PDB file of N, CA and C in Angstrom:
ATOM      1  N   MET A   1       0.365  -1.405   0.143  1.00  0.00           N
ATOM      2  CA  MET A   1      -0.471  -0.142  -0.018  1.00  0.00           C
ATOM      3  C   MET A   1       0.826   1.272  -0.238  1.00  0.00           C
ATOM      4  N   VAL A   2       1.594   1.727   1.152  1.00  0.00           N
ATOM      5  CA  VAL A   2       2.203   2.901   1.183  1.00  0.00           C
ATOM      6  C   VAL A   2       3.774   2.663   2.080  1.00  0.00           C
ATOM      7  N   ALA A   3       4.039   1.613   1.799  1.00  0.00           N
ATOM      8  CA  ALA A   3       5.385   1.176   2.406  1.00  0.00           C
ATOM      9  C   ALA A   3       6.834   1.731   1.793  1.00  0.00           C
ATOM     10  N   TRP A   4       7.533   2.231   2.755  1.00  0.00           N
ATOM     11  CA  TRP A   4       8.386   2.958   2.449  1.00  0.00           C
ATOM     12  C   TRP A   4       8.533   4.445   1.472  1.00  0.00           C
ATOM     13  N   ALA A   5       7.694   4.749   2.322  1.00  0.00           N
ATOM     14  CA  ALA A   5       7.229   6.300   1.591  1.00  0.00           C
ATOM     15  C   ALA A   5       7.472   7.723   2.597  1.00  0.00           C
ATOM     16  N   ASP A   6       7.901   7.241   3.725  1.00  0.00           N
ATOM     17  CA  ASP A   6       8.157   8.449   4.584  1.00  0.00           C
ATOM     18  C   ASP A   6       7.123   8.833   5.075  1.00  0.00           C
ATOM     19  N   ILE A   7       5.909   8.880   5.075  1.00  0.00           N
ATOM     20  CA  ILE A   7       4.524   9.044   5.768  1.00  0.00           C
ATOM     21  C   ILE A   7       4.931   9.246   7.064  1.00  0.00           C
ATOM     22  N   ALA A   8       4.415  10.293   7.537  1.00  0.00           N
ATOM     23  CA  ALA A   8       4.188  10.398   9.522  1.00  0.00           C
ATOM     24  C   ALA A   8       3.025  10.926   9.814  1.00  0.00           C
ATOM     25  N   GLY A   9       2.523  10.259  10.831  1.00  0.00           N
ATOM     26  CA  GLY A   9       1.313  10.831  11.391  1.00  0.00           C
ATOM     27  C   GLY A   9       0.875   9.741  12.088  1.00  0.00           C
ATOM     28  N   TYR A  10      -0.389   9.881  12.453  1.00  0.00           N
ATOM     29  CA  TYR A  10      -1.211   8.789  13.271  1.00  0.00           C
ATOM     30  C   TYR A  10      -1.690   7.916  12.179  1.00  0.00           C
ATOM     31  N   LEU A  11      -1.829   7.039  12.348  1.00  0.00           N
ATOM     32  CA  LEU A  11      -3.442   5.920  12.038  1.00  0.00           C
ATOM     33  C   LEU A  11      -4.364   6.413  11.825  1.00  0.00           C
ATOM     34  N   PRO A  12      -5.211   6.499  11.348  1.00  0.00           N
ATOM     35  CA  PRO A  12      -6.712   7.170  11.375  1.00  0.00           C
ATOM     36  C   PRO A  12      -7.412   5.711  11.956  1.00  0.00           C
ATOM     37  N   PRO A  13      -8.574   5.477  12.645  1.00  0.00           N
ATOM     38  CA  PRO A  13      -8.775   4.135  13.032  1.00  0.00           C
ATOM     39  C   PRO A  13     -10.043   3.989  11.790  1.00  0.00           C
ATOM     40  N   GLU A  14     -10.028   4.893  11.097  1.00  0.00           N
ATOM     41  CA  GLU A  14     -10.973   4.650   9.773  1.00  0.00           C
ATOM     42  C   GLU A  14     -10.394   3.647   9.221  1.00  0.00           C
ATOM     43  N   LEU A  15      -9.154   3.827   9.269  1.00  0.00           N
ATOM     44  CA  LEU A  15      -8.535   2.414   8.046  1.00  0.00           C
ATOM     45  C   LEU A  15      -9.268   1.298   8.466  1.00  0.00           C
ATOM     46  N   GLY A  16      -9.428   0.918   9.787  1.00  0.00           N
ATOM     47  CA  GLY A  16      -9.944  -0.739  10.316  1.00  0.00           C
ATOM     48  C   GLY A  16     -11.309  -0.570   9.162  1.00  0.00           C
ATOM     49  N   ARG A  17     -12.195   0.295   8.975  1.00  0.00           N
ATOM     50  CA  ARG A  17     -13.385   0.336   8.136  1.00  0.00           C
ATOM     51  C   ARG A  17     -13.304  -0.650   6.456  1.00  0.00           C
ATOM     52  N   LEU A  18     -11.735  -0.110   5.905  1.00  0.00           N
ATOM     53  CA  LEU A  18     -11.534  -0.900   5.008  1.00  0.00           C
ATOM     54  C   LEU A  18     -11.374  -2.254   4.868  1.00  0.00           C
ATOM     55  N   THR A  19     -12.473  -3.385   5.087  1.00  0.00           N
ATOM     56  CA  THR A  19     -12.265  -4.840   5.030  1.00  0.00           C
ATOM     57  C   THR A  19     -11.893  -5.055   3.734  1.00  0.00           C
ATOM     58  N   ASP A  20     -11.961  -4.352   2.727  1.00  0.00           N
ATOM     59  CA  ASP A  20     -11.847  -5.486   1.839  1.00  0.00           C
ATOM     60  C   ASP A  20     -10.764  -5.658   1.182  1.00  0.00           C
ATOM     61  N   LEU A  21      -9.849  -4.568   2.028  1.00  0.00           N
ATOM     62  CA  LEU A  21      -8.617  -4.911   1.575  1.00  0.00           C
ATOM     63  C   LEU A  21      -8.264  -6.458   2.017  1.00  0.00           C
ATOM     64  N   ALA A  22      -6.901  -6.872   0.960  1.00  0.00           N
ATOM     65  CA  ALA A  22      -6.367  -8.271   1.811  1.00  0.00           C
ATOM     66  C   ALA A  22      -5.555  -7.825   2.157  1.00  0.00           C
ATOM     67  N   VAL A  23      -4.247  -7.143   1.975  1.00  0.00           N
ATOM     68  CA  VAL A  23      -3.050  -6.907   1.907  1.00  0.00           C
ATOM     69  C   VAL A  23      -2.974  -5.529   2.145  1.00  0.00           C
ATOM     70  N   VAL A  24      -1.926  -5.294   3.768  1.00  0.00           N
ATOM     71  CA  VAL A  24      -2.093  -3.647   3.919  1.00  0.00           C
ATOM     72  C   VAL A  24      -0.668  -3.631   4.672  1.00  0.00           C
ATOM     73  N   HIS A  25      -0.198  -3.049   3.828  1.00  0.00           N
ATOM     74  CA  HIS A  25       1.650  -2.804   3.889  1.00  0.00           C
ATOM     75  C   HIS A  25       2.052  -1.056   3.782  1.00  0.00           C
ATOM     76  N   LEU A  26       2.408  -0.925   5.337  1.00  0.00           N
ATOM     77  CA  LEU A  26       2.225   0.200   5.737  1.00  0.00           C
ATOM     78  C   LEU A  26       3.783   0.484   6.458  1.00  0.00           C
ATOM     79  N   ASP A  27       4.652  -0.634   6.493  1.00  0.00           N
ATOM     80  CA  ASP A  27       6.050  -0.505   7.035  1.00  0.00           C
ATOM     81  C   ASP A  27       6.677   0.415   6.515  1.00  0.00           C
ATOM     82  N   SER A  28       8.192   0.604   7.577  1.00  0.00           N
ATOM     83  CA  SER A  28       9.134   1.286   6.981  1.00  0.00           C
ATOM     84  C   SER A  28       8.578   2.979   6.511  1.00  0.00           C
ATOM     85  N   ASN A  29       7.775   3.351   7.856  1.00  0.00           N
ATOM     86  CA  ASN A  29       7.409   4.823   7.290  1.00  0.00           C
ATOM     87  C   ASN A  29       7.548   5.515   8.711  1.00  0.00           C
ATOM     88  N   ARG A  30       7.121   6.654   8.928  1.00  0.00           N
ATOM     89  CA  ARG A  30       7.075   7.091  10.385  1.00  0.00           C
ATOM     90  C   ARG A  30       5.962   7.395  11.499  1.00  0.00           C
ATOM     91  N   PHE A  31       4.954   6.445  11.125  1.00  0.00           N
ATOM     92  CA  PHE A  31       3.416   6.823  11.594  1.00  0.00           C
ATOM     93  C   PHE A  31       4.271   6.326  13.216  1.00  0.00           C
ATOM     94  N   CYS A  32       3.020   7.240  13.997  1.00  0.00           N
ATOM     95  CA  CYS A  32       3.426   7.012  15.567  1.00  0.00           C
ATOM     96  C   CYS A  32       2.092   6.954  16.306  1.00  0.00           C
ATOM     97  N   GLY A  33       2.663   6.760  17.187  1.00  0.00           N
ATOM     98  CA  GLY A  33       1.122   7.225  18.649  1.00  0.00           C
ATOM     99  C   GLY A  33       0.598   5.428  18.731  1.00  0.00           C
ATOM    100  N   VAL A  34      -0.847   5.003  18.881  1.00  0.00           N
ATOM    101  CA  VAL A  34      -1.050   3.515  19.063  1.00  0.00           C
ATOM    102  C   VAL A  34      -1.842   3.438  17.420  1.00  0.00           C
ATOM    103  N   VAL A  35      -1.277   1.926  17.662  1.00  0.00           N
ATOM    104  CA  VAL A  35      -2.194   0.905  16.587  1.00  0.00           C
ATOM    105  C   VAL A  35      -3.839   0.816  16.538  1.00  0.00           C
ATOM    106  N   PRO A  36      -4.567   1.425  16.350  1.00  0.00           N
ATOM    107  CA  PRO A  36      -5.921   1.374  16.182  1.00  0.00           C
ATOM    108  C   PRO A  36      -6.691   0.253  16.373  1.00  0.00           C
ATOM    109  N   SER A  37      -7.385  -0.195  17.500  1.00  0.00           N
ATOM    110  CA  SER A  37      -8.166  -1.257  17.913  1.00  0.00           C
ATOM    111  C   SER A  37      -8.892  -1.742  16.637  1.00  0.00           C
ATOM    112  N   THR A  38      -9.455  -0.328  15.398  1.00  0.00           N
ATOM    113  CA  THR A  38     -10.038  -0.911  14.296  1.00  0.00           C
ATOM    114  C   THR A  38      -9.372  -1.328  13.592  1.00  0.00           C
ATOM    115  N   PHE A  39      -8.013  -1.993  13.791  1.00  0.00           N
ATOM    116  CA  PHE A  39      -7.390  -2.923  12.905  1.00  0.00           C
ATOM    117  C   PHE A  39      -7.489  -4.409  13.030  1.00  0.00           C
ATOM    118  N   HIS A  40      -8.243  -5.163  13.811  1.00  0.00           N
ATOM    119  CA  HIS A  40      -8.552  -6.610  14.077  1.00  0.00           C
ATOM    120  C   HIS A  40      -9.479  -6.547  12.830  1.00  0.00           C
ATOM    121  N   ARG A  41     -10.141  -5.702  11.937  1.00  0.00           N
ATOM    122  CA  ARG A  41     -10.536  -5.979  11.095  1.00  0.00           C
ATOM    123  C   ARG A  41     -10.122  -6.389   9.406  1.00  0.00           C
ATOM    124  N   LEU A  42      -8.518  -5.997   9.762  1.00  0.00           N
ATOM    125  CA  LEU A  42      -8.004  -6.231   8.875  1.00  0.00           C
ATOM    126  C   LEU A  42      -7.099  -7.538   8.867  1.00  0.00           C
ATOM    127  N   MET A  43      -7.850  -8.858   8.854  1.00  0.00           N
ATOM    128  CA  MET A  43      -7.142 -10.146   9.204  1.00  0.00           C
ATOM    129  C   MET A  43      -6.221 -10.516   8.289  1.00  0.00           C
ATOM    130  N   LEU A  44      -6.206 -10.517   7.003  1.00  0.00           N
ATOM    131  CA  LEU A  44      -5.349 -10.947   6.215  1.00  0.00           C
ATOM    132  C   LEU A  44      -3.911 -10.841   6.319  1.00  0.00           C
ATOM    133  N   THR A  45      -3.633 -10.041   5.721  1.00  0.00           N
ATOM    134  CA  THR A  45      -2.036  -8.947   5.716  1.00  0.00           C
ATOM    135  C   THR A  45      -1.997  -7.954   6.098  1.00  0.00           C
ATOM    136  N   ILE A  46      -0.796  -7.625   7.131  1.00  0.00           N
ATOM    137  CA  ILE A  46      -0.518  -6.688   7.468  1.00  0.00           C
ATOM    138  C   ILE A  46       0.338  -6.229   8.480  1.00  0.00           C
ATOM    139  N   ASP A  47       1.347  -5.617   7.361  1.00  0.00           N
ATOM    140  CA  ASP A  47       2.898  -5.141   7.947  1.00  0.00           C
ATOM    141  C   ASP A  47       3.045  -3.702   7.875  1.00  0.00           C
ATOM    142  N   ILE A  48       3.272  -3.324   9.825  1.00  0.00           N
ATOM    143  CA  ILE A  48       3.190  -2.026  10.312  1.00  0.00           C
ATOM    144  C   ILE A  48       4.865  -1.853  10.995  1.00  0.00           C
ATOM    145  N   SER A  49       5.337  -2.924  10.319  1.00  0.00           N
ATOM    146  CA  SER A  49       6.765  -2.740  11.016  1.00  0.00           C
ATOM    147  C   SER A  49       7.580  -1.615  10.801  1.00  0.00           C
ATOM    148  N   ASN A  50       8.705  -1.445  11.761  1.00  0.00           N
ATOM    149  CA  ASN A  50       9.357  -0.048  11.341  1.00  0.00           C
ATOM    150  C   ASN A  50       8.809   1.049  11.293  1.00  0.00           C
ATOM    151  N   ASN A  51       7.843   1.597  12.192  1.00  0.00           N
ATOM    152  CA  ASN A  51       7.004   2.320  12.946  1.00  0.00           C
ATOM    153  C   ASN A  51       7.765   3.337  13.891  1.00  0.00           C
ATOM    154  N   ARG A  52       7.024   4.048  14.359  1.00  0.00           N
ATOM    155  CA  ARG A  52       7.331   4.477  15.671  1.00  0.00           C
ATOM    156  C   ARG A  52       6.194   4.744  16.800  1.00  0.00           C
ATOM    157  N   PHE A  53       5.630   3.246  16.368  1.00  0.00           N
ATOM    158  CA  PHE A  53       3.864   3.105  17.446  1.00  0.00           C
ATOM    159  C   PHE A  53       4.375   2.922  18.877  1.00  0.00           C
ATOM    160  N   VAL A  54       3.681   3.272  20.174  1.00  0.00           N
ATOM    161  CA  VAL A  54       4.385   3.424  21.172  1.00  0.00           C
ATOM    162  C   VAL A  54       2.755   2.178  21.483  1.00  0.00           C
ATOM    163  N   GLY A  55       2.968   2.340  23.505  1.00  0.00           N
ATOM    164  CA  GLY A  55       2.058   1.793  23.964  1.00  0.00           C
ATOM    165  C   GLY A  55       2.048   0.151  23.642  1.00  0.00           C
ATOM    166  N   LYS A  56       0.903  -0.345  23.912  1.00  0.00           N
ATOM    167  CA  LYS A  56       0.332  -1.621  23.727  1.00  0.00           C
ATOM    168  C   LYS A  56      -0.621  -1.818  22.346  1.00  0.00           C
ATOM    169  N   PHE A  57      -0.112  -3.061  22.055  1.00  0.00           N
ATOM    170  CA  PHE A  57      -0.877  -3.427  21.004  1.00  0.00           C
ATOM    171  C   PHE A  57      -2.571  -3.393  21.450  1.00  0.00           C
ATOM    172  N   PRO A  58      -3.746  -3.309  20.602  1.00  0.00           N
ATOM    173  CA  PRO A  58      -4.742  -3.206  21.057  1.00  0.00           C
ATOM    174  C   PRO A  58      -5.166  -5.089  21.500  1.00  0.00           C
ATOM    175  N   ASN A  59      -5.783  -5.708  22.378  1.00  0.00           N
ATOM    176  CA  ASN A  59      -5.854  -6.684  22.520  1.00  0.00           C
ATOM    177  C   ASN A  59      -5.928  -7.787  21.544  1.00  0.00           C
ATOM    178  N   VAL A  60      -7.392  -7.032  20.968  1.00  0.00           N
ATOM    179  CA  VAL A  60      -8.215  -7.859  19.745  1.00  0.00           C
ATOM    180  C   VAL A  60      -7.235  -8.093  18.434  1.00  0.00           C
ATOM    181  N   VAL A  61      -6.237  -7.753  18.354  1.00  0.00           N
ATOM    182  CA  VAL A  61      -5.470  -7.650  17.371  1.00  0.00           C
ATOM    183  C   VAL A  61      -4.603  -9.010  17.995  1.00  0.00           C
ATOM    184  N   LEU A  62      -4.298  -8.390  18.835  1.00  0.00           N
ATOM    185  CA  LEU A  62      -2.869  -9.705  19.284  1.00  0.00           C
ATOM    186  C   LEU A  62      -3.392 -11.087  19.773  1.00  0.00           C
ATOM    187  N   SER A  63      -4.930 -11.082  19.465  1.00  0.00           N
ATOM    188  CA  SER A  63      -5.641 -12.403  19.598  1.00  0.00           C
ATOM    189  C   SER A  63      -5.830 -13.020  18.417  1.00  0.00           C
ATOM    190  N   LEU A  64      -5.775 -12.470  17.404  1.00  0.00           N
ATOM    191  CA  LEU A  64      -6.312 -13.078  16.232  1.00  0.00           C
ATOM    192  C   LEU A  64      -5.106 -14.337  15.842  1.00  0.00           C
ATOM    193  N   PRO A  65      -6.007 -15.219  15.311  1.00  0.00           N
ATOM    194  CA  PRO A  65      -5.623 -16.603  14.875  1.00  0.00           C
ATOM    195  C   PRO A  65      -4.317 -16.930  14.224  1.00  0.00           C
ATOM    196  N   LYS A  66      -4.716 -16.205  13.644  1.00  0.00           N
ATOM    197  CA  LYS A  66      -3.210 -16.340  12.389  1.00  0.00           C
ATOM    198  C   LYS A  66      -2.395 -15.139  12.272  1.00  0.00           C
ATOM    199  N   LEU A  67      -2.079 -14.978  13.744  1.00  0.00           N
ATOM    200  CA  LEU A  67      -1.267 -13.566  13.896  1.00  0.00           C
ATOM    201  C   LEU A  67       0.088 -14.206  13.775  1.00  0.00           C
ATOM    202  N   LYS A  68       1.148 -13.314  12.963  1.00  0.00           N
ATOM    203  CA  LYS A  68       2.392 -14.275  13.425  1.00  0.00           C
ATOM    204  C   LYS A  68       3.189 -12.644  13.403  1.00  0.00           C
ATOM    205  N   LEU A  69       4.108 -12.842  14.846  1.00  0.00           N
ATOM    206  CA  LEU A  69       4.845 -11.720  15.432  1.00  0.00           C
ATOM    207  C   LEU A  69       6.048 -11.986  15.026  1.00  0.00           C
ATOM    208  N   GLY A  70       7.070 -10.931  14.987  1.00  0.00           N
ATOM    209  CA  GLY A  70       8.651 -10.914  14.330  1.00  0.00           C
ATOM    210  C   GLY A  70       9.102 -10.108  13.353  1.00  0.00           C
ATOM    211  N   SER A  71       9.980 -10.369  13.200  1.00  0.00           N
ATOM    212  CA  SER A  71      10.300  -9.565  11.991  1.00  0.00           C
ATOM    213  C   SER A  71      10.788 -10.116  10.294  1.00  0.00           C
ATOM    214  N   PRO A  72      10.483  -9.706   9.664  1.00  0.00           N
ATOM    215  CA  PRO A  72      10.600 -10.293   7.912  1.00  0.00           C
ATOM    216  C   PRO A  72      11.747 -11.119   7.664  1.00  0.00           C
ATOM    217  N   LEU A  73      13.064 -10.175   8.416  1.00  0.00           N
ATOM    218  CA  LEU A  73      14.148 -10.845   8.118  1.00  0.00           C
ATOM    219  C   LEU A  73      14.520 -11.966   8.936  1.00  0.00           C
ATOM    220  N   GLN A  74      13.806 -12.421   9.630  1.00  0.00           N
ATOM    221  CA  GLN A  74      13.803 -14.052  10.200  1.00  0.00           C
ATOM    222  C   GLN A  74      13.473 -15.076   9.869  1.00  0.00           C
TER     223      GLN A  74
END
């Protein structure tokens, strides 16, 4: 989607309403703040690595059955 675009700012919760997206790549930007809890609706592939998020991930996101945590370099 917008990986490596040097975008800064907060992720709006409304992105979670885009339920028809199959792949969301927001990695390697300068997004900050918290990951919106609405992101549980983006269940296929989402990459938000290499940003500047703070705080805890929303529990609903961490409990996704197919969630894989880790670096893509592993």
